[in-house]
Amino acid sequence: MLTRPAAGPRTDAAPALAALATLTTVPARTHRDDYDRTAFGPAWDDGSDAALAGNGCDTRDDILDRDLRDTTHVATTACPRAVSSGEMRSPYTGDRVDFRRGRERGGTVQIDHIVPLAYAWDAGAHAWGPRLRLTFANDPANLVAVDGRSNQDKSDSPPGEWMPPHAPFRCRYAAQFVLVAATYRLSVDARSVAVLRTALGRC
């Protein structure tokens, strides 16, 4: 599996463009009526086959620890070294966001699936076994800490319907979406393919 979203000021678009050419493209997304979040296992389960799993901390704490800066830590039932506080620039907006465990009104910081679970379900995950779905839901390559409002605005939209408002992050977002879709052999709707190709062409 992949390990994490691309980092640094620039993203080499070549691997993502090559992967984009291998994706199965469908004319439009077909919304299935049998999606259920529980099909991907318990939320933030530490027992998957994803990178960082099995370390004694749930996936949400792993991503908070990876993506936040100036962090402090506290022991919880889900993690012996859980993030207690920290700050970040939300990649989706560029805005500074503070995290304080226990004082997260409305989920100031949320963990987003770059390729949404419901979209993945429609794109092929409905045919997977439960173990692969659990791994996908907890794969850090498909996860990023963001501001809660952007996460809610995005919902389960693919790139053809939603891209990060913060333009400098769109290249990395597109690259990660493509590489995750390619790794898990998910189909992508044609409108999203066009948006992804444009974003990668501007890297």
N, C-alpha and C. Protein backbone atom coordinates (compact mmCIF):
# COMPACT_ATOMS: atom_id res chain seq x y z
N MET A 1 0.84 -1.19 0.00
CA MET A 1 0.00 0.00 0.00
C MET A 1 0.88 1.25 0.00
N LEU A 2 0.26 2.38 -0.40
CA LEU A 2 0.95 3.64 -0.32
C LEU A 2 1.08 4.03 1.15
N THR A 3 1.88 5.03 1.41
CA THR A 3 2.15 5.37 2.80
C THR A 3 1.55 6.68 3.27
N ARG A 4 1.51 7.70 2.42
CA ARG A 4 0.99 8.98 2.88
C ARG A 4 0.84 9.92 1.71
N PRO A 5 0.05 11.00 1.88
CA PRO A 5 -0.05 11.97 0.81
C PRO A 5 1.30 12.59 0.50
N ALA A 6 1.49 12.99 -0.76
CA ALA A 6 2.75 13.61 -1.17
C ALA A 6 3.02 14.85 -0.35
N ALA A 7 4.28 15.09 -0.02
CA ALA A 7 4.66 16.22 0.80
C ALA A 7 5.62 17.11 0.04
N GLY A 8 5.87 18.29 0.58
CA GLY A 8 6.83 19.18 -0.01
C GLY A 8 6.19 20.21 -0.91
N PRO A 9 6.95 21.21 -1.35
CA PRO A 9 6.38 22.31 -2.12
C PRO A 9 5.97 21.93 -3.53
N ARG A 10 6.52 20.86 -4.08
CA ARG A 10 6.19 20.45 -5.44
C ARG A 10 5.83 18.98 -5.46
N THR A 11 5.04 18.62 -6.44
CA THR A 11 4.70 17.22 -6.65
C THR A 11 5.12 16.82 -8.05
N ASP A 12 5.84 15.71 -8.16
CA ASP A 12 6.19 15.19 -9.48
C ASP A 12 4.95 14.53 -10.05
N ALA A 13 4.38 15.14 -11.07
CA ALA A 13 3.11 14.66 -11.61
C ALA A 13 3.27 13.45 -12.50
N ALA A 14 4.49 13.14 -12.94
CA ALA A 14 4.69 12.08 -13.93
C ALA A 14 4.12 10.73 -13.48
N PRO A 15 4.41 10.26 -12.25
CA PRO A 15 3.84 8.96 -11.86
C PRO A 15 2.31 8.97 -11.84
N ALA A 16 1.74 10.08 -11.39
CA ALA A 16 0.28 10.15 -11.34
C ALA A 16 -0.32 10.20 -12.74
N LEU A 17 0.31 10.94 -13.64
CA LEU A 17 -0.19 10.98 -15.02
C LEU A 17 -0.10 9.61 -15.67
N ALA A 18 0.98 8.89 -15.38
CA ALA A 18 1.11 7.53 -15.91
C ALA A 18 0.04 6.63 -15.33
N ALA A 19 -0.21 6.76 -14.04
CA ALA A 19 -1.25 5.94 -13.39
C ALA A 19 -2.63 6.31 -13.90
N LEU A 20 -2.85 7.60 -14.17
CA LEU A 20 -4.14 8.04 -14.67
C LEU A 20 -4.49 7.35 -15.98
N ALA A 21 -3.49 7.13 -16.80
CA ALA A 21 -3.71 6.49 -18.10
C ALA A 21 -4.12 5.03 -17.96
N THR A 22 -3.88 4.43 -16.80
CA THR A 22 -4.21 3.02 -16.60
C THR A 22 -5.58 2.81 -15.97
N LEU A 23 -6.19 3.88 -15.48
CA LEU A 23 -7.45 3.75 -14.77
C LEU A 23 -8.59 3.36 -15.71
N THR A 24 -9.49 2.57 -15.20
CA THR A 24 -10.72 2.28 -15.93
C THR A 24 -11.63 3.50 -15.80
N THR A 25 -11.99 4.08 -16.94
CA THR A 25 -12.84 5.27 -16.94
C THR A 25 -14.26 4.87 -17.29
N VAL A 26 -15.21 5.34 -16.49
CA VAL A 26 -16.63 5.09 -16.76
C VAL A 26 -17.28 6.42 -17.13
N PRO A 27 -18.32 6.39 -17.96
CA PRO A 27 -18.92 7.65 -18.41
C PRO A 27 -19.39 8.54 -17.27
N ALA A 28 -19.98 7.92 -16.26
CA ALA A 28 -20.50 8.67 -15.12
C ALA A 28 -20.56 7.74 -13.91
N ARG A 29 -20.57 8.34 -12.75
CA ARG A 29 -20.68 7.55 -11.52
C ARG A 29 -22.06 6.93 -11.42
N THR A 30 -22.11 5.65 -11.09
CA THR A 30 -23.37 4.97 -10.82
C THR A 30 -23.54 4.84 -9.32
N HIS A 31 -24.49 5.56 -8.76
CA HIS A 31 -24.72 5.52 -7.32
C HIS A 31 -25.46 4.24 -6.94
N ARG A 32 -24.79 3.39 -6.18
CA ARG A 32 -25.43 2.18 -5.70
C ARG A 32 -26.25 2.52 -4.46
N ASP A 33 -27.33 1.76 -4.25
CA ASP A 33 -28.20 2.05 -3.11
C ASP A 33 -27.90 1.15 -1.91
N ASP A 34 -26.78 0.40 -1.97
CA ASP A 34 -26.48 -0.53 -0.88
C ASP A 34 -25.24 -0.13 -0.09
N TYR A 35 -24.78 1.13 -0.25
CA TYR A 35 -23.61 1.57 0.51
C TYR A 35 -23.94 1.66 1.99
N ASP A 36 -23.01 1.16 2.82
CA ASP A 36 -23.14 1.23 4.27
C ASP A 36 -21.73 1.41 4.82
N ARG A 37 -21.52 2.47 5.60
CA ARG A 37 -20.19 2.74 6.14
C ARG A 37 -19.64 1.55 6.91
N THR A 38 -20.49 0.78 7.55
CA THR A 38 -20.01 -0.35 8.34
C THR A 38 -19.38 -1.45 7.49
N ALA A 39 -19.61 -1.41 6.18
CA ALA A 39 -18.99 -2.41 5.30
C ALA A 39 -17.48 -2.23 5.26
N PHE A 40 -16.99 -1.06 5.66
CA PHE A 40 -15.55 -0.80 5.70
C PHE A 40 -14.97 -1.04 7.09
N GLY A 41 -15.73 -1.68 7.95
CA GLY A 41 -15.23 -2.02 9.28
C GLY A 41 -15.39 -0.88 10.27
N PRO A 42 -15.01 -1.13 11.52
CA PRO A 42 -15.10 -0.08 12.54
C PRO A 42 -14.24 1.12 12.15
N ALA A 43 -14.76 2.30 12.43
CA ALA A 43 -14.03 3.52 12.07
C ALA A 43 -12.68 3.59 12.78
N TRP A 44 -11.64 3.87 12.00
CA TRP A 44 -10.28 4.11 12.50
C TRP A 44 -9.69 2.89 13.21
N ASP A 45 -10.04 1.71 12.75
CA ASP A 45 -9.58 0.46 13.37
C ASP A 45 -8.07 0.28 13.20
N ASP A 46 -7.39 -0.06 14.27
CA ASP A 46 -5.94 -0.25 14.25
C ASP A 46 -5.56 -1.64 13.74
N GLY A 47 -6.54 -2.48 13.46
CA GLY A 47 -6.26 -3.87 13.12
C GLY A 47 -6.28 -4.20 11.65
N SER A 48 -6.07 -3.21 10.77
CA SER A 48 -6.09 -3.46 9.34
C SER A 48 -4.70 -3.86 8.85
N ASP A 49 -4.57 -4.01 7.54
CA ASP A 49 -3.26 -4.29 6.92
C ASP A 49 -2.61 -3.03 6.36
N ALA A 50 -3.14 -1.87 6.71
CA ALA A 50 -2.60 -0.61 6.19
C ALA A 50 -1.31 -0.24 6.91
N ALA A 51 -0.53 0.62 6.26
CA ALA A 51 0.65 1.18 6.91
C ALA A 51 0.22 1.89 8.19
N LEU A 52 1.05 1.83 9.22
CA LEU A 52 0.84 2.41 10.54
C LEU A 52 -0.10 1.60 11.42
N ALA A 53 -0.79 0.60 10.87
CA ALA A 53 -1.70 -0.20 11.68
C ALA A 53 -0.93 -1.08 12.64
N GLY A 54 -1.61 -1.49 13.70
CA GLY A 54 -1.01 -2.40 14.67
C GLY A 54 -0.03 -1.74 15.62
N ASN A 55 -0.08 -0.41 15.73
CA ASN A 55 0.87 0.28 16.60
C ASN A 55 0.28 0.68 17.94
N GLY A 56 -0.95 0.24 18.20
CA GLY A 56 -1.58 0.54 19.48
C GLY A 56 -2.37 1.83 19.51
N CYS A 57 -2.39 2.56 18.38
CA CYS A 57 -3.17 3.79 18.29
C CYS A 57 -4.15 3.68 17.13
N ASP A 58 -5.35 4.25 17.30
CA ASP A 58 -6.30 4.17 16.19
C ASP A 58 -5.82 5.07 15.05
N THR A 59 -6.40 4.84 13.87
CA THR A 59 -5.92 5.52 12.67
C THR A 59 -6.08 7.03 12.76
N ARG A 60 -7.16 7.50 13.38
CA ARG A 60 -7.35 8.94 13.49
C ARG A 60 -6.20 9.58 14.26
N ASP A 61 -5.79 8.97 15.35
CA ASP A 61 -4.67 9.50 16.11
C ASP A 61 -3.37 9.45 15.31
N ASP A 62 -3.19 8.40 14.52
CA ASP A 62 -2.00 8.31 13.67
C ASP A 62 -1.93 9.48 12.69
N ILE A 63 -3.06 9.83 12.07
CA ILE A 63 -3.06 10.90 11.07
C ILE A 63 -2.93 12.26 11.75
N LEU A 64 -3.55 12.44 12.89
CA LEU A 64 -3.35 13.69 13.63
C LEU A 64 -1.88 13.88 13.98
N ASP A 65 -1.25 12.81 14.43
CA ASP A 65 0.16 12.90 14.81
C ASP A 65 1.04 13.17 13.60
N ARG A 66 0.65 12.64 12.44
CA ARG A 66 1.42 12.85 11.22
C ARG A 66 1.27 14.27 10.67
N ASP A 67 0.04 14.79 10.68
CA ASP A 67 -0.26 16.01 9.95
C ASP A 67 -0.22 17.29 10.78
N LEU A 68 -0.39 17.19 12.10
CA LEU A 68 -0.37 18.38 12.93
C LEU A 68 1.05 18.72 13.35
N ARG A 69 1.26 19.95 13.72
CA ARG A 69 2.56 20.44 14.17
C ARG A 69 2.42 20.99 15.59
N ASP A 70 3.58 21.14 16.26
CA ASP A 70 3.61 21.67 17.63
C ASP A 70 2.62 20.91 18.53
N THR A 71 2.69 19.60 18.46
CA THR A 71 1.73 18.76 19.16
C THR A 71 2.14 18.48 20.60
N THR A 72 1.13 18.30 21.43
CA THR A 72 1.30 17.73 22.76
C THR A 72 0.50 16.43 22.78
N HIS A 73 0.79 15.57 23.75
CA HIS A 73 0.20 14.23 23.74
C HIS A 73 -0.37 13.86 25.10
N VAL A 74 -1.30 12.91 25.08
CA VAL A 74 -1.94 12.41 26.29
C VAL A 74 -2.32 10.95 26.06
N ALA A 75 -2.34 10.16 27.11
CA ALA A 75 -2.76 8.76 27.00
C ALA A 75 -4.29 8.69 27.00
N THR A 76 -4.83 7.91 26.07
CA THR A 76 -6.27 7.66 26.01
C THR A 76 -6.51 6.16 25.87
N THR A 77 -7.75 5.76 25.92
CA THR A 77 -8.07 4.34 25.76
C THR A 77 -7.76 3.86 24.35
N ALA A 78 -7.75 4.79 23.36
CA ALA A 78 -7.50 4.41 21.97
C ALA A 78 -6.04 4.55 21.57
N CYS A 79 -5.24 5.22 22.40
CA CYS A 79 -3.85 5.48 22.02
C CYS A 79 -3.05 5.93 23.24
N PRO A 80 -1.94 5.27 23.55
CA PRO A 80 -1.14 5.67 24.70
C PRO A 80 -0.43 7.01 24.50
N ARG A 81 -0.35 7.47 23.25
CA ARG A 81 0.30 8.76 22.98
C ARG A 81 -0.55 9.52 21.95
N ALA A 82 -1.78 9.79 22.33
CA ALA A 82 -2.71 10.48 21.45
C ALA A 82 -2.40 11.98 21.42
N VAL A 83 -2.68 12.60 20.30
CA VAL A 83 -2.47 14.04 20.19
C VAL A 83 -3.48 14.76 21.06
N SER A 84 -2.98 15.60 21.96
CA SER A 84 -3.83 16.39 22.84
C SER A 84 -4.09 17.77 22.26
N SER A 85 -3.09 18.34 21.61
CA SER A 85 -3.24 19.65 20.98
C SER A 85 -2.24 19.77 19.85
N GLY A 86 -2.50 20.68 18.95
CA GLY A 86 -1.61 20.93 17.83
C GLY A 86 -2.22 21.94 16.90
N GLU A 87 -1.51 22.25 15.84
CA GLU A 87 -2.02 23.20 14.85
C GLU A 87 -1.58 22.78 13.47
N MET A 88 -2.28 23.31 12.46
CA MET A 88 -1.94 22.99 11.08
C MET A 88 -2.49 24.06 10.17
N ARG A 89 -2.03 24.06 8.94
CA ARG A 89 -2.67 24.79 7.86
C ARG A 89 -3.51 23.79 7.10
N SER A 90 -4.81 23.98 7.10
CA SER A 90 -5.65 23.02 6.38
C SER A 90 -5.25 23.00 4.91
N PRO A 91 -4.88 21.85 4.38
CA PRO A 91 -4.49 21.80 2.97
C PRO A 91 -5.61 22.18 2.02
N TYR A 92 -6.85 22.05 2.46
CA TYR A 92 -7.97 22.34 1.59
C TYR A 92 -8.27 23.83 1.46
N THR A 93 -7.90 24.61 2.49
CA THR A 93 -8.19 26.05 2.46
C THR A 93 -6.95 26.92 2.63
N GLY A 94 -5.90 26.37 3.22
CA GLY A 94 -4.73 27.17 3.55
C GLY A 94 -4.87 27.91 4.87
N ASP A 95 -6.01 27.76 5.55
CA ASP A 95 -6.25 28.47 6.80
C ASP A 95 -5.62 27.74 7.98
N ARG A 96 -5.18 28.51 8.97
CA ARG A 96 -4.63 27.93 10.20
C ARG A 96 -5.78 27.38 11.04
N VAL A 97 -5.58 26.17 11.57
CA VAL A 97 -6.58 25.51 12.39
C VAL A 97 -5.91 24.98 13.64
N ASP A 98 -6.52 25.23 14.78
CA ASP A 98 -6.01 24.71 16.06
C ASP A 98 -6.83 23.50 16.48
N PHE A 99 -6.13 22.51 17.00
CA PHE A 99 -6.80 21.30 17.51
C PHE A 99 -6.59 21.23 19.02
N ARG A 100 -7.67 20.99 19.75
CA ARG A 100 -7.62 20.77 21.19
C ARG A 100 -8.54 19.61 21.52
N ARG A 101 -7.99 18.50 21.91
CA ARG A 101 -8.81 17.33 22.22
C ARG A 101 -9.79 17.66 23.33
N GLY A 102 -11.04 17.25 23.13
CA GLY A 102 -12.06 17.51 24.12
C GLY A 102 -12.74 18.86 23.96
N ARG A 103 -12.18 19.72 23.10
CA ARG A 103 -12.78 21.03 22.84
C ARG A 103 -12.99 21.23 21.36
N GLU A 104 -13.26 20.14 20.66
CA GLU A 104 -13.42 20.15 19.21
C GLU A 104 -14.89 20.39 18.85
N ARG A 105 -15.31 21.63 18.90
CA ARG A 105 -16.70 21.95 18.56
C ARG A 105 -16.95 21.73 17.08
N GLY A 106 -17.85 20.83 16.79
CA GLY A 106 -18.21 20.56 15.40
C GLY A 106 -17.10 19.93 14.58
N GLY A 107 -16.06 19.40 15.26
CA GLY A 107 -14.98 18.76 14.52
C GLY A 107 -14.13 19.76 13.77
N THR A 108 -13.46 20.66 14.49
CA THR A 108 -12.61 21.68 13.86
C THR A 108 -11.60 21.04 12.93
N VAL A 109 -11.00 19.92 13.38
CA VAL A 109 -10.09 19.14 12.54
C VAL A 109 -10.73 17.78 12.29
N GLN A 110 -10.85 17.40 11.04
CA GLN A 110 -11.41 16.10 10.68
C GLN A 110 -10.44 15.37 9.77
N ILE A 111 -10.58 14.05 9.70
CA ILE A 111 -9.75 13.23 8.83
C ILE A 111 -10.57 12.87 7.60
N ASP A 112 -10.08 13.28 6.44
CA ASP A 112 -10.82 13.05 5.20
C ASP A 112 -10.23 11.90 4.40
N HIS A 113 -11.12 11.11 3.80
CA HIS A 113 -10.71 10.12 2.80
C HIS A 113 -10.63 10.85 1.46
N ILE A 114 -9.43 10.95 0.90
CA ILE A 114 -9.26 11.65 -0.37
C ILE A 114 -10.15 11.01 -1.44
N VAL A 115 -10.08 9.70 -1.56
CA VAL A 115 -11.07 8.96 -2.35
C VAL A 115 -12.16 8.55 -1.36
N PRO A 116 -13.32 9.20 -1.40
CA PRO A 116 -14.35 8.93 -0.39
C PRO A 116 -14.81 7.48 -0.39
N LEU A 117 -15.18 7.01 0.79
CA LEU A 117 -15.60 5.61 0.91
C LEU A 117 -16.82 5.31 0.04
N ALA A 118 -17.80 6.20 0.04
CA ALA A 118 -19.01 5.96 -0.76
C ALA A 118 -18.68 5.95 -2.25
N TYR A 119 -17.76 6.82 -2.67
CA TYR A 119 -17.36 6.82 -4.08
C TYR A 119 -16.62 5.53 -4.41
N ALA A 120 -15.72 5.12 -3.52
CA ALA A 120 -14.99 3.87 -3.73
C ALA A 120 -15.95 2.69 -3.82
N TRP A 121 -16.99 2.71 -3.00
CA TRP A 121 -18.00 1.64 -3.03
C TRP A 121 -18.62 1.54 -4.43
N ASP A 122 -19.01 2.70 -4.96
CA ASP A 122 -19.60 2.73 -6.29
C ASP A 122 -18.61 2.33 -7.38
N ALA A 123 -17.31 2.57 -7.12
CA ALA A 123 -16.27 2.38 -8.13
C ALA A 123 -15.62 1.00 -8.08
N GLY A 124 -16.13 0.12 -7.23
CA GLY A 124 -15.59 -1.24 -7.21
C GLY A 124 -15.46 -1.87 -5.84
N ALA A 125 -15.44 -1.06 -4.77
CA ALA A 125 -15.23 -1.62 -3.44
C ALA A 125 -16.39 -2.49 -2.97
N HIS A 126 -17.55 -2.35 -3.58
CA HIS A 126 -18.68 -3.19 -3.20
C HIS A 126 -18.38 -4.67 -3.45
N ALA A 127 -17.44 -4.96 -4.35
CA ALA A 127 -17.11 -6.34 -4.68
C ALA A 127 -15.93 -6.88 -3.87
N TRP A 128 -15.32 -6.05 -3.04
CA TRP A 128 -14.18 -6.49 -2.25
C TRP A 128 -14.62 -7.31 -1.04
N GLY A 129 -13.65 -8.01 -0.47
CA GLY A 129 -13.86 -8.66 0.81
C GLY A 129 -13.70 -7.66 1.94
N PRO A 130 -14.18 -7.99 3.13
CA PRO A 130 -14.14 -7.05 4.25
C PRO A 130 -12.73 -6.65 4.66
N ARG A 131 -11.75 -7.53 4.49
CA ARG A 131 -10.39 -7.19 4.91
C ARG A 131 -9.80 -6.07 4.05
N LEU A 132 -10.03 -6.15 2.75
CA LEU A 132 -9.51 -5.12 1.85
C LEU A 132 -10.23 -3.80 2.10
N ARG A 133 -11.52 -3.86 2.34
CA ARG A 133 -12.26 -2.62 2.62
C ARG A 133 -11.76 -1.97 3.91
N LEU A 134 -11.47 -2.78 4.93
CA LEU A 134 -10.94 -2.24 6.18
C LEU A 134 -9.59 -1.56 5.94
N THR A 135 -8.74 -2.20 5.15
CA THR A 135 -7.43 -1.63 4.85
C THR A 135 -7.58 -0.32 4.08
N PHE A 136 -8.44 -0.30 3.09
CA PHE A 136 -8.66 0.92 2.31
C PHE A 136 -9.11 2.06 3.21
N ALA A 137 -10.04 1.80 4.11
CA ALA A 137 -10.58 2.85 4.97
C ALA A 137 -9.54 3.41 5.93
N ASN A 138 -8.47 2.66 6.17
CA ASN A 138 -7.45 3.08 7.14
C ASN A 138 -6.09 3.32 6.51
N ASP A 139 -6.02 3.31 5.18
CA ASP A 139 -4.76 3.51 4.49
C ASP A 139 -4.35 4.98 4.61
N PRO A 140 -3.22 5.28 5.24
CA PRO A 140 -2.81 6.68 5.41
C PRO A 140 -2.56 7.40 4.09
N ALA A 141 -2.33 6.66 3.02
CA ALA A 141 -2.17 7.30 1.71
C ALA A 141 -3.45 7.97 1.25
N ASN A 142 -4.57 7.52 1.79
CA ASN A 142 -5.87 8.05 1.38
C ASN A 142 -6.47 8.97 2.44
N LEU A 143 -5.67 9.36 3.43
CA LEU A 143 -6.19 10.13 4.55
C LEU A 143 -5.39 11.41 4.74
N VAL A 144 -6.09 12.46 5.12
CA VAL A 144 -5.43 13.74 5.38
C VAL A 144 -6.27 14.52 6.40
N ALA A 145 -5.58 15.17 7.34
CA ALA A 145 -6.26 16.03 8.31
C ALA A 145 -6.60 17.35 7.64
N VAL A 146 -7.86 17.77 7.78
CA VAL A 146 -8.33 18.99 7.14
C VAL A 146 -9.27 19.73 8.09
N ASP A 147 -9.65 20.94 7.70
CA ASP A 147 -10.66 21.66 8.48
C ASP A 147 -12.02 21.00 8.28
N GLY A 148 -12.81 21.00 9.34
CA GLY A 148 -14.08 20.30 9.31
C GLY A 148 -15.06 20.81 8.27
N ARG A 149 -15.09 22.13 8.05
CA ARG A 149 -16.05 22.68 7.10
C ARG A 149 -15.79 22.19 5.68
N SER A 150 -14.51 22.16 5.28
CA SER A 150 -14.19 21.68 3.93
C SER A 150 -14.56 20.21 3.77
N ASN A 151 -14.30 19.43 4.81
CA ASN A 151 -14.64 18.01 4.75
C ASN A 151 -16.14 17.82 4.57
N GLN A 152 -16.92 18.61 5.27
CA GLN A 152 -18.36 18.51 5.15
C GLN A 152 -18.82 18.99 3.76
N ASP A 153 -18.20 20.05 3.26
CA ASP A 153 -18.57 20.55 1.93
C ASP A 153 -18.28 19.50 0.85
N LYS A 154 -17.16 18.82 0.98
CA LYS A 154 -16.78 17.81 -0.01
C LYS A 154 -17.72 16.61 0.03
N SER A 155 -18.04 16.14 1.22
CA SER A 155 -18.87 14.95 1.40
C SER A 155 -18.26 13.78 0.63
N ASP A 156 -19.02 13.12 -0.24
CA ASP A 156 -18.47 11.99 -1.00
C ASP A 156 -18.24 12.36 -2.47
N SER A 157 -18.02 13.65 -2.71
CA SER A 157 -17.84 14.12 -4.09
C SER A 157 -16.48 13.73 -4.66
N PRO A 158 -16.46 13.31 -5.91
CA PRO A 158 -15.19 13.04 -6.60
C PRO A 158 -14.63 14.34 -7.19
N PRO A 159 -13.44 14.32 -7.78
CA PRO A 159 -12.84 15.54 -8.31
C PRO A 159 -13.67 16.25 -9.37
N GLY A 160 -14.48 15.52 -10.10
CA GLY A 160 -15.33 16.16 -11.10
C GLY A 160 -16.38 17.06 -10.50
N GLU A 161 -16.62 16.92 -9.18
CA GLU A 161 -17.63 17.73 -8.50
C GLU A 161 -17.04 18.63 -7.42
N TRP A 162 -15.83 18.28 -6.96
CA TRP A 162 -15.22 19.07 -5.88
C TRP A 162 -13.70 18.94 -5.94
N MET A 163 -13.03 20.08 -5.84
CA MET A 163 -11.58 20.12 -5.67
C MET A 163 -11.27 21.08 -4.54
N PRO A 164 -10.12 20.93 -3.88
CA PRO A 164 -9.80 21.82 -2.76
C PRO A 164 -9.84 23.28 -3.18
N PRO A 165 -10.49 24.15 -2.40
CA PRO A 165 -10.51 25.57 -2.73
C PRO A 165 -9.11 26.19 -2.77
N HIS A 166 -8.20 25.63 -1.99
CA HIS A 166 -6.82 26.13 -1.93
C HIS A 166 -6.06 25.59 -3.14
N ALA A 167 -5.92 26.43 -4.18
CA ALA A 167 -5.37 25.98 -5.46
C ALA A 167 -3.99 25.33 -5.36
N PRO A 168 -3.07 25.82 -4.50
CA PRO A 168 -1.75 25.19 -4.45
C PRO A 168 -1.75 23.72 -4.03
N PHE A 169 -2.84 23.27 -3.41
CA PHE A 169 -2.90 21.87 -2.98
C PHE A 169 -3.52 20.95 -4.03
N ARG A 170 -4.08 21.51 -5.07
CA ARG A 170 -4.82 20.68 -6.02
C ARG A 170 -3.95 19.67 -6.74
N CYS A 171 -2.70 20.04 -7.00
CA CYS A 171 -1.80 19.10 -7.66
C CYS A 171 -1.59 17.87 -6.79
N ARG A 172 -1.26 18.07 -5.54
CA ARG A 172 -1.03 16.94 -4.64
C ARG A 172 -2.31 16.14 -4.40
N TYR A 173 -3.43 16.84 -4.31
CA TYR A 173 -4.71 16.16 -4.13
C TYR A 173 -5.00 15.26 -5.33
N ALA A 174 -4.81 15.80 -6.53
CA ALA A 174 -5.05 15.02 -7.75
C ALA A 174 -4.12 13.82 -7.83
N ALA A 175 -2.84 14.04 -7.52
CA ALA A 175 -1.87 12.95 -7.58
C ALA A 175 -2.24 11.85 -6.61
N GLN A 176 -2.63 12.22 -5.41
CA GLN A 176 -2.96 11.20 -4.43
C GLN A 176 -4.24 10.46 -4.78
N PHE A 177 -5.23 11.18 -5.29
CA PHE A 177 -6.48 10.54 -5.71
C PHE A 177 -6.19 9.49 -6.78
N VAL A 178 -5.39 9.87 -7.77
CA VAL A 178 -5.08 8.95 -8.86
C VAL A 178 -4.30 7.74 -8.36
N LEU A 179 -3.28 7.96 -7.55
CA LEU A 179 -2.45 6.85 -7.09
C LEU A 179 -3.23 5.90 -6.19
N VAL A 180 -4.11 6.42 -5.37
CA VAL A 180 -4.96 5.55 -4.55
C VAL A 180 -5.91 4.75 -5.43
N ALA A 181 -6.57 5.43 -6.37
CA ALA A 181 -7.49 4.73 -7.27
C ALA A 181 -6.77 3.64 -8.06
N ALA A 182 -5.55 3.93 -8.50
CA ALA A 182 -4.79 2.94 -9.26
C ALA A 182 -4.36 1.78 -8.37
N THR A 183 -3.92 2.07 -7.16
CA THR A 183 -3.49 1.01 -6.25
C THR A 183 -4.61 0.02 -5.97
N TYR A 184 -5.81 0.55 -5.79
CA TYR A 184 -6.95 -0.30 -5.44
C TYR A 184 -7.81 -0.67 -6.65
N ARG A 185 -7.35 -0.30 -7.84
CA ARG A 185 -8.03 -0.66 -9.10
C ARG A 185 -9.49 -0.21 -9.11
N LEU A 186 -9.68 1.04 -8.73
CA LEU A 186 -11.01 1.63 -8.75
C LEU A 186 -11.25 2.32 -10.09
N SER A 187 -12.47 2.28 -10.57
CA SER A 187 -12.81 3.05 -11.76
C SER A 187 -13.02 4.51 -11.37
N VAL A 188 -12.91 5.40 -12.34
CA VAL A 188 -13.10 6.83 -12.10
C VAL A 188 -13.99 7.38 -13.21
N ASP A 189 -14.92 8.24 -12.84
CA ASP A 189 -15.84 8.79 -13.83
C ASP A 189 -15.11 9.75 -14.77
N ALA A 190 -15.59 9.85 -15.98
CA ALA A 190 -14.90 10.61 -17.04
C ALA A 190 -14.72 12.08 -16.68
N ARG A 191 -15.72 12.68 -16.06
CA ARG A 191 -15.60 14.09 -15.68
C ARG A 191 -14.45 14.28 -14.70
N SER A 192 -14.31 13.37 -13.75
CA SER A 192 -13.22 13.46 -12.78
C SER A 192 -11.87 13.24 -13.44
N VAL A 193 -11.80 12.32 -14.39
CA VAL A 193 -10.55 12.08 -15.11
C VAL A 193 -10.08 13.36 -15.79
N ALA A 194 -10.99 14.08 -16.40
CA ALA A 194 -10.64 15.33 -17.07
C ALA A 194 -10.12 16.37 -16.08
N VAL A 195 -10.77 16.48 -14.93
CA VAL A 195 -10.35 17.43 -13.90
C VAL A 195 -8.99 17.04 -13.36
N LEU A 196 -8.77 15.77 -13.11
CA LEU A 196 -7.50 15.29 -12.60
C LEU A 196 -6.38 15.55 -13.59
N ARG A 197 -6.62 15.30 -14.86
CA ARG A 197 -5.61 15.53 -15.88
C ARG A 197 -5.23 17.01 -15.94
N THR A 198 -6.21 17.87 -15.84
CA THR A 198 -5.94 19.31 -15.85
C THR A 198 -5.11 19.72 -14.63
N ALA A 199 -5.50 19.23 -13.46
CA ALA A 199 -4.78 19.58 -12.23
C ALA A 199 -3.33 19.10 -12.28
N LEU A 200 -3.13 17.89 -12.76
CA LEU A 200 -1.77 17.35 -12.85
C LEU A 200 -0.95 18.08 -13.90
N GLY A 201 -1.62 18.56 -14.95
CA GLY A 201 -0.91 19.31 -15.98
C GLY A 201 -0.43 20.67 -15.50
N ARG A 202 -0.97 21.13 -14.37
CA ARG A 202 -0.58 22.44 -13.82
C ARG A 202 0.40 22.31 -12.66
N CYS A 203 0.86 21.11 -12.38
CA CYS A 203 1.78 20.92 -11.25
C CYS A 203 3.10 21.66 -11.50
